C-alpha atoms as a PDB file:
ATOM      1  CA  UNK A   1     -99.868  97.893 -44.517  1.00  0.00           C
ATOM      2  CA  UNK A   2    -100.036 100.626 -41.887  1.00  0.00           C
ATOM      3  CA  UNK A   3    -101.504  98.217 -39.347  1.00  0.00           C
ATOM      4  CA  UNK A   4     -99.031  95.450 -40.169  1.00  0.00           C
ATOM      5  CA  UNK A   5     -96.037  97.780 -39.770  1.00  0.00           C
ATOM      6  CA  UNK A   6     -97.419  99.097 -36.482  1.00  0.00           C
ATOM      7  CA  UNK A   7     -97.817  95.560 -35.111  1.00  0.00           C
ATOM      8  CA  UNK A   8     -94.342  94.554 -36.313  1.00  0.00           C
ATOM      9  CA  UNK A   9     -92.676  97.601 -34.757  1.00  0.00           C
ATOM     10  CA  UNK A  10     -94.504  97.076 -31.480  1.00  0.00           C
ATOM     11  CA  UNK A  11     -93.041  93.565 -31.388  1.00  0.00           C
ATOM     12  CA  UNK A  12     -89.605  95.187 -31.557  1.00  0.00           C
ATOM     13  CA  UNK A  13     -90.504  97.243 -28.487  1.00  0.00           C
ATOM     14  CA  UNK A  14     -91.472 100.532 -30.124  1.00  0.00           C
ATOM     15  CA  UNK A  15     -94.516 102.518 -29.088  1.00  0.00           C
ATOM     16  CA  UNK A  16     -96.377 103.349 -32.288  1.00  0.00           C
ATOM     17  CA  UNK A  17     -99.118 105.813 -33.117  1.00  0.00           C
ATOM     18  CA  UNK A  18    -100.496 105.497 -36.651  1.00  0.00           C
ATOM     19  CA  UNK A  19    -102.500 107.995 -38.693  1.00  0.00           C
ATOM     20  CA  UNK A  20    -104.583 107.093 -41.742  1.00  0.00           C
ATOM     21  CA  UNK A  21    -103.916 110.370 -43.585  1.00  0.00           C
ATOM     22  CA  UNK A  22    -101.554 113.327 -43.589  1.00  0.00           C
ATOM     23  CA  UNK A  23    -103.856 115.775 -41.817  1.00  0.00           C
ATOM     24  CA  UNK A  24    -104.477 113.345 -38.963  1.00  0.00           C
ATOM     25  CA  UNK A  25    -100.722 112.758 -38.776  1.00  0.00           C
ATOM     26  CA  UNK A  26    -100.121 116.512 -38.549  1.00  0.00           C
ATOM     27  CA  UNK A  27    -102.603 116.746 -35.663  1.00  0.00           C
ATOM     28  CA  UNK A  28    -100.855 113.882 -33.851  1.00  0.00           C
ATOM     29  CA  UNK A  29     -97.508 115.595 -34.377  1.00  0.00           C
ATOM     30  CA  UNK A  30     -98.773 118.909 -32.991  1.00  0.00           C
ATOM     31  CA  UNK A  31    -100.440 117.327 -29.966  1.00  0.00           C
ATOM     32  CA  UNK A  32     -97.756 114.857 -28.882  1.00  0.00           C
ATOM     33  CA  UNK A  33     -93.998 114.310 -28.783  1.00  0.00           C
ATOM     34  CA  UNK A  34     -92.389 111.756 -31.115  1.00  0.00           C
ATOM     35  CA  UNK A  35     -88.849 110.415 -31.409  1.00  0.00           C
ATOM     36  CA  UNK A  36     -89.198 109.616 -35.124  1.00  0.00           C
ATOM     37  CA  UNK A  37     -91.730 109.923 -37.943  1.00  0.00           C
ATOM     38  CA  UNK A  38     -92.346 107.480 -40.809  1.00  0.00           C
ATOM     39  CA  UNK A  39     -94.187 109.212 -43.643  1.00  0.00           C
ATOM     40  CA  UNK A  40     -95.615 107.504 -46.706  1.00  0.00           C
ATOM     41  CA  UNK A  41     -95.326 109.682 -49.799  1.00  0.00           C
ATOM     42  CA  UNK A  42     -98.835 108.687 -50.935  1.00  0.00           C
ATOM     43  CA  UNK A  43    -100.761 109.704 -47.812  1.00  0.00           C
ATOM     44  CA  UNK A  44    -104.285 110.947 -48.631  1.00  0.00           C
ATOM     45  CA  UNK A  45    -105.374 114.483 -47.792  1.00  0.00           C
ATOM     46  CA  UNK A  46    -101.899 115.872 -47.142  1.00  0.00           C
ATOM     47  CA  UNK A  47     -99.200 113.758 -48.779  1.00  0.00           C
ATOM     48  CA  UNK A  48     -96.000 112.740 -47.019  1.00  0.00           C
ATOM     49  CA  UNK A  49     -93.878 115.354 -48.760  1.00  0.00           C
ATOM     50  CA  UNK A  50     -96.234 118.169 -47.768  1.00  0.00           C
ATOM     51  CA  UNK A  51     -96.423 116.800 -44.234  1.00  0.00           C
ATOM     52  CA  UNK A  52     -92.618 116.648 -44.020  1.00  0.00           C
ATOM     53  CA  UNK A  53     -92.415 120.313 -45.020  1.00  0.00           C
ATOM     54  CA  UNK A  54     -94.950 121.251 -42.339  1.00  0.00           C
ATOM     55  CA  UNK A  55     -93.023 119.277 -39.735  1.00  0.00           C
ATOM     56  CA  UNK A  56     -89.734 120.931 -40.693  1.00  0.00           C
ATOM     57  CA  UNK A  57     -91.248 124.367 -40.086  1.00  0.00           C
ATOM     58  CA  UNK A  58     -91.094 123.703 -36.336  1.00  0.00           C
ATOM     59  CA  UNK A  59     -89.168 120.490 -35.664  1.00  0.00           C
ATOM     60  CA  UNK A  60     -85.915 118.658 -36.375  1.00  0.00           C
ATOM     61  CA  UNK A  61     -87.356 115.247 -35.447  1.00  0.00           C
ATOM     62  CA  UNK A  62     -85.873 112.442 -37.602  1.00  0.00           C
ATOM     63  CA  UNK A  63     -88.063 111.643 -40.627  1.00  0.00           C
ATOM     64  CA  UNK A  64     -88.014 108.395 -42.608  1.00  0.00           C
ATOM     65  CA  UNK A  65     -89.837 108.646 -45.936  1.00  0.00           C
ATOM     66  CA  UNK A  66     -91.533 105.607 -47.465  1.00  0.00           C
ATOM     67  CA  UNK A  67     -91.922 105.564 -51.247  1.00  0.00           C
ATOM     68  CA  UNK A  68     -93.335 103.102 -53.765  1.00  0.00           C
ATOM     69  CA  UNK A  69     -90.758 104.161 -56.339  1.00  0.00           C
ATOM     70  CA  UNK A  70     -87.054 103.788 -55.668  1.00  0.00           C
ATOM     71  CA  UNK A  71     -85.839 105.830 -58.603  1.00  0.00           C
ATOM     72  CA  UNK A  72     -88.617 108.370 -59.029  1.00  0.00           C
ATOM     73  CA  UNK A  73     -89.044 112.017 -58.244  1.00  0.00           C
ATOM     74  CA  UNK A  74     -90.780 111.101 -54.976  1.00  0.00           C
ATOM     75  CA  UNK A  75     -87.476 110.161 -53.365  1.00  0.00           C
ATOM     76  CA  UNK A  76     -85.778 113.405 -54.368  1.00  0.00           C
ATOM     77  CA  UNK A  77     -88.786 115.519 -53.375  1.00  0.00           C
ATOM     78  CA  UNK A  78     -88.979 113.820 -49.974  1.00  0.00           C
ATOM     79  CA  UNK A  79     -85.291 114.344 -49.225  1.00  0.00           C
ATOM     80  CA  UNK A  80     -85.440 117.948 -50.406  1.00  0.00           C
ATOM     81  CA  UNK A  81     -88.422 118.506 -48.101  1.00  0.00           C
ATOM     82  CA  UNK A  82     -86.207 117.563 -45.168  1.00  0.00           C
ATOM     83  CA  UNK A  83     -86.476 113.787 -44.772  1.00  0.00           C
ATOM     84  CA  UNK A  84     -83.376 112.118 -43.353  1.00  0.00           C
ATOM     85  CA  UNK A  85     -83.649 108.822 -45.208  1.00  0.00           C
ATOM     86  CA  UNK A  86     -86.094 106.724 -47.201  1.00  0.00           C
ATOM     87  CA  UNK A  87     -87.153 103.145 -47.838  1.00  0.00           C
ATOM     88  CA  UNK A  88     -88.873 101.704 -50.887  1.00  0.00           C
ATOM     89  CA  UNK A  89     -92.049  99.636 -50.627  1.00  0.00           C
ATOM     90  CA  UNK A  90     -92.346  96.742 -50.248  1.00  0.00           C
ATOM     91  CA  UNK A  91     -89.822  96.766 -47.433  1.00  0.00           C
ATOM     92  CA  UNK A  92     -88.885  93.955 -45.048  1.00  0.00           C
ATOM     93  CA  UNK A  93     -89.454  94.697 -41.395  1.00  0.00           C
ATOM     94  CA  UNK A  94     -85.811  94.052 -40.483  1.00  0.00           C
ATOM     95  CA  UNK A  95     -84.702  96.659 -43.048  1.00  0.00           C
ATOM     96  CA  UNK A  96     -87.210  99.173 -41.700  1.00  0.00           C
ATOM     97  CA  UNK A  97     -86.052  98.537 -38.125  1.00  0.00           C
ATOM     98  CA  UNK A  98     -82.396  98.905 -39.175  1.00  0.00           C
ATOM     99  CA  UNK A  99     -83.148 102.319 -40.698  1.00  0.00           C
ATOM    100  CA  UNK A 100     -85.102 103.367 -37.610  1.00  0.00           C
ATOM    101  CA  UNK A 101     -82.249 102.383 -35.302  1.00  0.00           C
ATOM    102  CA  UNK A 102     -79.781 104.264 -37.470  1.00  0.00           C
ATOM    103  CA  UNK A 103     -81.886 107.434 -37.361  1.00  0.00           C
ATOM    104  CA  UNK A 104     -82.339 107.203 -33.597  1.00  0.00           C
ATOM    105  CA  UNK A 105     -78.576 106.748 -33.141  1.00  0.00           C
ATOM    106  CA  UNK A 106     -77.995 109.924 -35.144  1.00  0.00           C
ATOM    107  CA  UNK A 107     -80.500 111.773 -32.980  1.00  0.00           C
ATOM    108  CA  UNK A 108     -78.434 110.910 -29.878  1.00  0.00           C
ATOM    109  CA  UNK A 109     -75.034 111.100 -31.571  1.00  0.00           C
ATOM    110  CA  UNK A 110     -72.003 112.116 -29.491  1.00  0.00           C
ATOM    111  CA  UNK A 111     -68.906 112.764 -31.654  1.00  0.00           C
ATOM    112  CA  UNK A 112     -65.414 111.593 -30.809  1.00  0.00           C
ATOM    113  CA  UNK A 113     -62.951 114.506 -31.213  1.00  0.00           C
ATOM    114  CA  UNK A 114     -60.466 114.211 -34.044  1.00  0.00           C
ATOM    115  CA  UNK A 115     -56.824 114.230 -32.843  1.00  0.00           C
ATOM    116  CA  UNK A 116     -55.156 117.573 -33.413  1.00  0.00           C
ATOM    117  CA  UNK A 117     -58.329 119.409 -34.443  1.00  0.00           C
ATOM    118  CA  UNK A 118     -58.029 123.157 -33.999  1.00  0.00           C
ATOM    119  CA  UNK A 119     -60.418 124.657 -31.462  1.00  0.00           C
ATOM    120  CA  UNK A 120     -61.347 127.972 -29.945  1.00  0.00           C
ATOM    121  CA  UNK A 121     -61.840 126.497 -26.507  1.00  0.00           C
ATOM    122  CA  UNK A 122     -58.774 124.647 -25.332  1.00  0.00           C
ATOM    123  CA  UNK A 123     -56.231 122.048 -26.458  1.00  0.00           C
ATOM    124  CA  UNK A 124     -57.043 119.336 -28.966  1.00  0.00           C
ATOM    125  CA  UNK A 125     -57.374 116.774 -26.190  1.00  0.00           C
ATOM    126  CA  UNK A 126     -60.292 118.770 -24.747  1.00  0.00           C
ATOM    127  CA  UNK A 127     -62.186 119.700 -27.904  1.00  0.00           C
ATOM    128  CA  UNK A 128     -65.358 121.638 -27.212  1.00  0.00           C
ATOM    129  CA  UNK A 129     -65.764 124.079 -30.099  1.00  0.00           C
ATOM    130  CA  UNK A 130     -64.472 123.618 -33.639  1.00  0.00           C
ATOM    131  CA  UNK A 131     -63.913 126.785 -35.652  1.00  0.00           C
ATOM    132  CA  UNK A 132     -63.866 127.192 -39.428  1.00  0.00           C
ATOM    133  CA  UNK A 133     -63.911 130.904 -40.159  1.00  0.00           C
ATOM    134  CA  UNK A 134     -67.309 132.251 -39.116  1.00  0.00           C
ATOM    135  CA  UNK A 135     -68.617 128.716 -38.633  1.00  0.00           C
ATOM    136  CA  UNK A 136     -68.325 127.268 -35.118  1.00  0.00           C
ATOM    137  CA  UNK A 137     -69.458 123.857 -33.915  1.00  0.00           C
ATOM    138  CA  UNK A 138     -70.007 123.182 -30.219  1.00  0.00           C
ATOM    139  CA  UNK A 139     -69.378 119.433 -29.988  1.00  0.00           C
ATOM    140  CA  UNK A 140     -70.465 119.259 -26.350  1.00  0.00           C
ATOM    141  CA  UNK A 141     -73.720 121.158 -26.721  1.00  0.00           C
ATOM    142  CA  UNK A 142     -74.264 119.833 -30.278  1.00  0.00           C
ATOM    143  CA  UNK A 143     -74.896 123.354 -31.548  1.00  0.00           C
ATOM    144  CA  UNK A 144     -73.804 125.119 -34.720  1.00  0.00           C
ATOM    145  CA  UNK A 145     -73.316 128.864 -35.138  1.00  0.00           C
ATOM    146  CA  UNK A 146     -72.751 130.949 -38.244  1.00  0.00           C
ATOM    147  CA  UNK A 147     -71.406 134.446 -37.549  1.00  0.00           C
ATOM    148  CA  UNK A 148     -72.605 134.005 -33.982  1.00  0.00           C
ATOM    149  CA  UNK A 149     -76.181 133.085 -34.918  1.00  0.00           C
ATOM    150  CA  UNK A 150     -77.494 129.564 -34.207  1.00  0.00           C
ATOM    151  CA  UNK A 151     -78.198 127.300 -37.163  1.00  0.00           C
ATOM    152  CA  UNK A 152     -80.933 124.670 -36.840  1.00  0.00           C
ATOM    153  CA  UNK A 153     -79.786 121.335 -38.286  1.00  0.00           C
ATOM    154  CA  UNK A 154     -81.539 117.981 -38.360  1.00  0.00           C
ATOM    155  CA  UNK A 155     -79.682 115.107 -36.651  1.00  0.00           C
ATOM    156  CA  UNK A 156     -78.546 113.810 -40.036  1.00  0.00           C
ATOM    157  CA  UNK A 157     -77.362 117.235 -41.199  1.00  0.00           C
ATOM    158  CA  UNK A 158     -75.486 117.708 -37.925  1.00  0.00           C
ATOM    159  CA  UNK A 159     -73.800 114.315 -38.091  1.00  0.00           C
ATOM    160  CA  UNK A 160     -72.812 114.942 -41.715  1.00  0.00           C
ATOM    161  CA  UNK A 161     -71.308 118.305 -40.765  1.00  0.00           C
ATOM    162  CA  UNK A 162     -69.452 116.723 -37.839  1.00  0.00           C
ATOM    163  CA  UNK A 163     -68.049 114.092 -40.198  1.00  0.00           C
ATOM    164  CA  UNK A 164     -66.727 116.819 -42.486  1.00  0.00           C
ATOM    165  CA  UNK A 165     -65.417 118.795 -39.507  1.00  0.00           C
ATOM    166  CA  UNK A 166     -63.498 115.755 -38.254  1.00  0.00           C
ATOM    167  CA  UNK A 167     -61.655 115.667 -41.616  1.00  0.00           C
ATOM    168  CA  UNK A 168     -61.276 119.311 -42.716  1.00  0.00           C
ATOM    169  CA  UNK A 169     -59.842 119.664 -46.201  1.00  0.00           C
ATOM    170  CA  UNK A 170     -60.081 115.899 -46.784  1.00  0.00           C
ATOM    171  CA  UNK A 171     -62.231 114.619 -49.656  1.00  0.00           C
ATOM    172  CA  UNK A 172     -64.873 112.164 -48.408  1.00  0.00           C
ATOM    173  CA  UNK A 173     -66.513 110.003 -51.040  1.00  0.00           C
ATOM    174  CA  UNK A 174     -70.214 109.205 -51.003  1.00  0.00           C
ATOM    175  CA  UNK A 175     -69.771 105.550 -50.010  1.00  0.00           C
ATOM    176  CA  UNK A 176     -67.725 106.574 -46.969  1.00  0.00           C
ATOM    177  CA  UNK A 177     -70.373 109.087 -45.942  1.00  0.00           C
ATOM    178  CA  UNK A 178     -73.168 106.548 -46.420  1.00  0.00           C
ATOM    179  CA  UNK A 179     -71.282 104.159 -44.141  1.00  0.00           C
ATOM    180  CA  UNK A 180     -70.233 106.622 -41.446  1.00  0.00           C
ATOM    181  CA  UNK A 181     -73.228 108.978 -41.362  1.00  0.00           C
ATOM    182  CA  UNK A 182     -76.159 106.857 -42.522  1.00  0.00           C
ATOM    183  CA  UNK A 183     -74.785 103.611 -41.030  1.00  0.00           C
ATOM    184  CA  UNK A 184     -75.324 101.745 -44.273  1.00  0.00           C
ATOM    185  CA  UNK A 185     -73.614  98.384 -44.091  1.00  0.00           C
ATOM    186  CA  UNK A 186     -74.364  97.948 -47.777  1.00  0.00           C
ATOM    187  CA  UNK A 187     -74.323 100.151 -50.862  1.00  0.00           C
ATOM    188  CA  UNK A 188     -77.026 102.773 -50.487  1.00  0.00           C
ATOM    189  CA  UNK A 189     -78.467 105.477 -52.684  1.00  0.00           C
ATOM    190  CA  UNK A 190     -75.937 108.310 -52.927  1.00  0.00           C
ATOM    191  CA  UNK A 191     -78.769 110.784 -53.544  1.00  0.00           C
ATOM    192  CA  UNK A 192     -79.317 110.992 -49.797  1.00  0.00           C
ATOM    193  CA  UNK A 193     -75.756 112.314 -49.476  1.00  0.00           C
ATOM    194  CA  UNK A 194     -76.050 114.799 -52.342  1.00  0.00           C
ATOM    195  CA  UNK A 195     -79.361 116.219 -51.147  1.00  0.00           C
ATOM    196  CA  UNK A 196     -78.231 116.462 -47.519  1.00  0.00           C
ATOM    197  CA  UNK A 197     -75.134 118.357 -48.695  1.00  0.00           C
ATOM    198  CA  UNK A 198     -77.415 120.691 -50.631  1.00  0.00           C
ATOM    199  CA  UNK A 199     -79.455 121.357 -47.491  1.00  0.00           C
ATOM    200  CA  UNK A 200     -76.273 122.087 -45.521  1.00  0.00           C
ATOM    201  CA  UNK A 201     -75.132 124.509 -48.208  1.00  0.00           C
ATOM    202  CA  UNK A 202     -78.434 126.373 -48.052  1.00  0.00           C
ATOM    203  CA  UNK A 203     -77.996 126.793 -44.295  1.00  0.00           C
ATOM    204  CA  UNK A 204     -74.238 127.403 -44.094  1.00  0.00           C
ATOM    205  CA  UNK A 205     -73.346 128.931 -47.466  1.00  0.00           C
ATOM    206  CA  UNK A 206     -72.666 127.268 -50.803  1.00  0.00           C
ATOM    207  CA  UNK A 207     -68.924 127.831 -50.590  1.00  0.00           C
ATOM    208  CA  UNK A 208     -68.590 125.969 -47.270  1.00  0.00           C
ATOM    209  CA  UNK A 209     -68.636 122.430 -48.697  1.00  0.00           C
ATOM    210  CA  UNK A 210     -66.720 121.950 -51.898  1.00  0.00           C
ATOM    211  CA  UNK A 211     -67.559 119.368 -54.556  1.00  0.00           C
ATOM    212  CA  UNK A 212     -64.546 117.491 -55.887  1.00  0.00           C
ATOM    213  CA  UNK A 213     -65.937 116.177 -59.142  1.00  0.00           C
ATOM    214  CA  UNK A 214     -65.655 112.439 -59.526  1.00  0.00           C
ATOM    215  CA  UNK A 215     -64.579 111.929 -55.910  1.00  0.00           C
ATOM    216  CA  UNK A 216     -66.877 113.488 -53.295  1.00  0.00           C
ATOM    217  CA  UNK A 217     -67.020 116.462 -50.966  1.00  0.00           C
ATOM    218  CA  UNK A 218     -64.757 118.274 -48.521  1.00  0.00           C
ATOM    219  CA  UNK A 219     -65.159 120.985 -45.905  1.00  0.00           C
ATOM    220  CA  UNK A 220     -63.033 124.021 -46.667  1.00  0.00           C
ATOM    221  CA  UNK A 221     -60.655 124.905 -43.873  1.00  0.00           C
END
């Protein structure tokens, strides 16, 4: 399956380097630069979840987790470890490529300023830095600061935060977030939203993003 996916992705124009186990994958990751990682949960030696945790110790590279179970603990564990999205085996190549393209778009995301958004750096028409209490978001430099200290966010976490920041105080439901952040053109698994929100709360403070039970989430002004 590893070889067949590598060949298929190369036909789509991607340069692929494949590892047969988690430890070899970790060595590849440490020795070279990658735009995106696809990790199978069931990798021998060091499994995909453990490898994702090791990667997240030093890198915010987009991670797509591949699981054989769509409703099992593997999915939750992979997302909690820092994966940005997941696919369930068996997966069609066109679905895999669609997820890859979505993750790469997030990694190069440039937000469009929301009309009338308050800033600390000029009028709304020239938004550079959004301010929410001790949380500031530099939309030009794509940097986030909490009480003046930088906060490291994955591309997905950053795009999710920017989506909330573009609609402060507005409740955004999970389907809207799946569409606008994950680029899902179909109904996706809302667990990716819930677990990404949890990761944001751990980094920014639990009170920052409020749960509106039965509806979704909102960023407190």
